[in-house]
Amino acid sequence: MFRFGMGELIIILMIALLFFGATRLPQVAKALGRSIKEFKKGAKELKDDIEEETNDDDKKKN
């Protein structure tokens, strides 16, 4: 999807450092990591529910 090289990542980190400051940056990164983890968990649960429903419908037809 998106491919970032080392230069782009350094620029993004520098902008984040300027925007949030050195003291808040670790807190922001931790919150972002938790948010991504929860999003992935929710997406996996949704995918599993859809697959389960699809498999149930296939079993009922047979």
Protein backbone atom coordinates (compact mmCIF):
# COMPACT_ATOMS: atom_id res chain seq x y z
CA MET A 1 0.00 0.00 0.00
CA PHE A 2 2.33 2.73 1.23
CA ARG A 3 6.05 2.24 1.15
CA PHE A 4 8.18 4.58 3.17
CA GLY A 5 11.91 4.75 2.88
CA MET A 6 14.24 5.73 5.68
CA GLY A 7 14.26 9.37 4.58
CA GLU A 8 10.48 9.67 4.66
CA LEU A 9 10.27 8.04 8.08
CA ILE A 10 12.87 10.45 9.49
CA ILE A 11 10.95 13.44 8.12
CA ILE A 12 7.67 12.15 9.60
CA LEU A 13 9.37 11.58 12.96
CA MET A 14 10.87 15.09 12.94
CA ILE A 15 7.48 16.66 12.15
CA ALA A 16 5.85 14.63 14.93
CA LEU A 17 8.60 15.69 17.32
CA LEU A 18 8.04 19.36 16.46
CA PHE A 19 4.27 19.03 16.67
CA PHE A 20 3.98 17.05 19.92
CA GLY A 21 7.26 17.82 21.66
CA ALA A 22 9.77 15.44 23.14
CA THR A 23 7.83 14.82 26.35
CA ARG A 24 4.49 13.91 24.75
CA LEU A 25 5.82 11.97 21.76
CA PRO A 26 6.20 8.63 23.64
CA GLN A 27 2.64 8.96 24.99
CA VAL A 28 1.29 9.68 21.52
CA ALA A 29 3.18 6.73 20.04
CA LYS A 30 1.86 4.42 22.76
CA ALA A 31 -1.72 5.58 22.20
CA LEU A 32 -1.31 5.18 18.44
CA GLY A 33 0.01 1.65 18.91
CA ARG A 34 -2.93 0.73 21.12
CA SER A 35 -5.37 2.21 18.60
CA ILE A 36 -3.87 0.23 15.74
CA LYS A 37 -3.95 -2.95 17.84
CA GLU A 38 -7.64 -2.44 18.67
CA PHE A 39 -8.46 -1.66 15.03
CA LYS A 40 -6.75 -4.85 13.85
CA LYS A 41 -8.54 -6.85 16.56
CA GLY A 42 -11.91 -5.46 15.49
CA ALA A 43 -11.20 -6.10 11.82
CA LYS A 44 -10.21 -9.71 12.58
CA GLU A 45 -13.36 -10.27 14.63
CA LEU A 46 -15.49 -8.86 11.82
CA LYS A 47 -13.74 -11.06 9.26
CA ASP A 48 -14.19 -14.13 11.47
CA ASP A 49 -17.90 -13.35 11.95
CA ILE A 50 -18.42 -12.96 8.20
CA GLU A 51 -16.60 -16.22 7.48
CA GLU A 52 -18.61 -18.01 10.17
CA GLU A 53 -21.91 -16.75 8.74
CA THR A 54 -20.85 -17.68 5.22
CA ASN A 55 -19.88 -21.19 6.34
CA ASP A 56 -23.18 -21.58 8.22
CA ASP A 57 -25.14 -20.61 5.08
CA ASP A 58 -23.19 -23.13 3.01
CA LYS A 59 -23.94 -25.90 5.52
CA LYS A 60 -27.66 -25.08 5.53
CA LYS A 61 -27.83 -25.28 1.72
CA ASN A 62 -26.25 -28.73 1.63
